Amino acid sequence: MHEHFFQCPHCWEEISMLLDTSVRQQTYIEDCEICCNPIEIAVSFQNAELTAFTAHPIGQ
């Protein structure tokens, strides 16, 4: 697991998420822990190292 900190695209607060390094590429939706709005998360790993991360707002 990898903890990644980023800014919520809805409320702009810094939040963190635990990312599963065993899955090379994944896209999923998770709610912000501060404002509860949905965020589309897309991540890529290579050799358990984070190579790409995007967080896009859903519903705007």
N, C-alpha and C. Protein backbone atom coordinates (compact mmCIF):
# COMPACT_ATOMS: atom_id res chain seq x y z
N MET A 1 0.84 -1.18 0.00
CA MET A 1 0.00 0.00 0.00
C MET A 1 0.89 1.25 0.00
N HIS A 2 0.35 2.29 -0.60
CA HIS A 2 1.07 3.55 -0.73
C HIS A 2 0.12 4.69 -0.33
N GLU A 3 0.51 5.51 0.63
CA GLU A 3 -0.31 6.65 1.01
C GLU A 3 0.06 7.84 0.12
N HIS A 4 -0.96 8.43 -0.50
CA HIS A 4 -0.73 9.55 -1.42
C HIS A 4 -1.56 10.74 -0.97
N PHE A 5 -0.93 11.91 -0.84
CA PHE A 5 -1.60 13.14 -0.45
C PHE A 5 -1.85 13.99 -1.69
N PHE A 6 -3.04 14.59 -1.77
CA PHE A 6 -3.39 15.44 -2.90
C PHE A 6 -4.50 16.39 -2.49
N GLN A 7 -4.81 17.34 -3.35
CA GLN A 7 -5.83 18.34 -3.09
C GLN A 7 -7.16 17.90 -3.72
N CYS A 8 -8.23 17.93 -2.93
CA CYS A 8 -9.54 17.58 -3.43
C CYS A 8 -9.95 18.58 -4.51
N PRO A 9 -10.43 18.10 -5.67
CA PRO A 9 -10.83 19.01 -6.74
C PRO A 9 -12.18 19.71 -6.47
N HIS A 10 -12.84 19.37 -5.37
CA HIS A 10 -14.10 20.02 -5.00
C HIS A 10 -13.88 21.10 -3.94
N CYS A 11 -13.28 20.72 -2.80
CA CYS A 11 -13.16 21.64 -1.66
C CYS A 11 -11.74 22.21 -1.49
N TRP A 12 -10.78 21.68 -2.26
CA TRP A 12 -9.38 22.14 -2.27
C TRP A 12 -8.62 21.84 -0.98
N GLU A 13 -9.20 21.01 -0.11
CA GLU A 13 -8.49 20.59 1.10
C GLU A 13 -7.53 19.46 0.75
N GLU A 14 -6.41 19.38 1.49
CA GLU A 14 -5.48 18.27 1.29
C GLU A 14 -6.05 17.03 1.96
N ILE A 15 -6.09 15.94 1.20
CA ILE A 15 -6.55 14.66 1.72
C ILE A 15 -5.54 13.59 1.33
N SER A 16 -5.69 12.42 1.93
CA SER A 16 -4.81 11.31 1.56
C SER A 16 -5.65 10.08 1.27
N MET A 17 -5.09 9.22 0.44
CA MET A 17 -5.73 7.94 0.11
C MET A 17 -4.66 6.87 0.11
N LEU A 18 -5.06 5.67 0.52
CA LEU A 18 -4.18 4.52 0.42
C LEU A 18 -4.40 3.88 -0.94
N LEU A 19 -3.31 3.73 -1.69
CA LEU A 19 -3.36 3.17 -3.04
C LEU A 19 -2.74 1.78 -3.03
N ASP A 20 -3.36 0.87 -3.74
CA ASP A 20 -2.90 -0.51 -3.81
C ASP A 20 -1.82 -0.63 -4.89
N THR A 21 -0.59 -0.83 -4.49
CA THR A 21 0.53 -0.91 -5.43
C THR A 21 0.57 -2.23 -6.20
N SER A 22 -0.22 -3.21 -5.79
CA SER A 22 -0.21 -4.50 -6.48
C SER A 22 -1.03 -4.49 -7.77
N VAL A 23 -1.85 -3.45 -7.97
CA VAL A 23 -2.64 -3.31 -9.19
C VAL A 23 -1.96 -2.24 -10.05
N ARG A 24 -1.49 -2.63 -11.22
CA ARG A 24 -0.66 -1.74 -12.04
C ARG A 24 -1.38 -0.48 -12.50
N GLN A 25 -2.60 -0.61 -12.98
CA GLN A 25 -3.41 0.54 -13.38
C GLN A 25 -4.81 0.36 -12.85
N GLN A 26 -5.38 1.44 -12.34
CA GLN A 26 -6.74 1.37 -11.85
C GLN A 26 -7.42 2.73 -11.91
N THR A 27 -8.72 2.70 -12.12
CA THR A 27 -9.55 3.90 -12.10
C THR A 27 -10.78 3.57 -11.26
N TYR A 28 -11.09 4.43 -10.33
CA TYR A 28 -12.24 4.19 -9.47
C TYR A 28 -12.75 5.52 -8.91
N ILE A 29 -13.91 5.48 -8.28
CA ILE A 29 -14.51 6.68 -7.70
C ILE A 29 -14.51 6.52 -6.18
N GLU A 30 -14.07 7.56 -5.50
CA GLU A 30 -14.05 7.57 -4.05
C GLU A 30 -14.49 8.95 -3.58
N ASP A 31 -15.19 9.00 -2.45
CA ASP A 31 -15.65 10.27 -1.90
C ASP A 31 -14.55 10.95 -1.10
N CYS A 32 -14.51 12.28 -1.18
CA CYS A 32 -13.57 13.08 -0.38
C CYS A 32 -13.90 12.89 1.09
N GLU A 33 -12.88 12.71 1.92
CA GLU A 33 -13.09 12.51 3.36
C GLU A 33 -13.50 13.81 4.06
N ILE A 34 -13.36 14.95 3.41
CA ILE A 34 -13.73 16.24 4.00
C ILE A 34 -15.14 16.67 3.54
N CYS A 35 -15.34 16.80 2.22
CA CYS A 35 -16.60 17.34 1.71
C CYS A 35 -17.57 16.27 1.20
N CYS A 36 -17.14 15.02 1.13
CA CYS A 36 -17.97 13.87 0.72
C CYS A 36 -18.37 13.88 -0.76
N ASN A 37 -17.81 14.76 -1.56
CA ASN A 37 -18.11 14.77 -2.99
C ASN A 37 -17.30 13.69 -3.70
N PRO A 38 -17.83 13.11 -4.79
CA PRO A 38 -17.13 12.03 -5.49
C PRO A 38 -15.97 12.54 -6.34
N ILE A 39 -14.90 11.75 -6.34
CA ILE A 39 -13.68 12.05 -7.10
C ILE A 39 -13.33 10.82 -7.92
N GLU A 40 -13.05 11.02 -9.22
CA GLU A 40 -12.56 9.92 -10.04
C GLU A 40 -11.04 9.88 -9.91
N ILE A 41 -10.54 8.77 -9.40
CA ILE A 41 -9.11 8.57 -9.18
C ILE A 41 -8.57 7.63 -10.25
N ALA A 42 -7.47 8.01 -10.88
CA ALA A 42 -6.79 7.14 -11.84
C ALA A 42 -5.32 7.07 -11.43
N VAL A 43 -4.81 5.87 -11.25
CA VAL A 43 -3.43 5.69 -10.82
C VAL A 43 -2.73 4.64 -11.67
N SER A 44 -1.42 4.79 -11.78
CA SER A 44 -0.57 3.80 -12.45
C SER A 44 0.67 3.58 -11.60
N PHE A 45 1.08 2.33 -11.53
CA PHE A 45 2.29 1.96 -10.82
C PHE A 45 3.20 1.16 -11.75
N GLN A 46 4.48 1.31 -11.55
CA GLN A 46 5.47 0.48 -12.23
C GLN A 46 6.49 0.08 -11.19
N ASN A 47 6.69 -1.22 -11.01
CA ASN A 47 7.60 -1.75 -9.98
C ASN A 47 7.26 -1.17 -8.61
N ALA A 48 5.97 -1.10 -8.30
CA ALA A 48 5.43 -0.60 -7.03
C ALA A 48 5.70 0.88 -6.78
N GLU A 49 6.13 1.61 -7.81
CA GLU A 49 6.34 3.05 -7.72
C GLU A 49 5.22 3.77 -8.46
N LEU A 50 4.65 4.79 -7.84
CA LEU A 50 3.58 5.57 -8.46
C LEU A 50 4.14 6.35 -9.65
N THR A 51 3.57 6.12 -10.83
CA THR A 51 4.05 6.81 -12.04
C THR A 51 3.05 7.83 -12.56
N ALA A 52 1.76 7.68 -12.19
CA ALA A 52 0.75 8.65 -12.63
C ALA A 52 -0.39 8.67 -11.63
N PHE A 53 -0.91 9.87 -11.37
CA PHE A 53 -2.05 10.03 -10.46
C PHE A 53 -2.88 11.21 -10.94
N THR A 54 -4.19 11.00 -11.12
CA THR A 54 -5.09 12.11 -11.42
C THR A 54 -6.31 11.98 -10.53
N ALA A 55 -6.87 13.14 -10.18
CA ALA A 55 -8.08 13.21 -9.37
C ALA A 55 -9.00 14.24 -10.00
N HIS A 56 -10.10 13.78 -10.59
CA HIS A 56 -11.04 14.67 -11.28
C HIS A 56 -12.37 14.71 -10.54
N PRO A 57 -12.99 15.88 -10.48
CA PRO A 57 -14.29 15.97 -9.82
C PRO A 57 -15.37 15.28 -10.65
N ILE A 58 -16.32 14.68 -9.98
CA ILE A 58 -17.49 14.07 -10.61
C ILE A 58 -18.68 14.98 -10.32
N GLY A 59 -19.48 15.26 -11.33
CA GLY A 59 -20.69 16.03 -11.11
C GLY A 59 -20.54 17.53 -11.26
N GLN A 60 -19.46 17.98 -11.87
CA GLN A 60 -19.30 19.42 -12.09
C GLN A 60 -19.09 19.67 -13.56
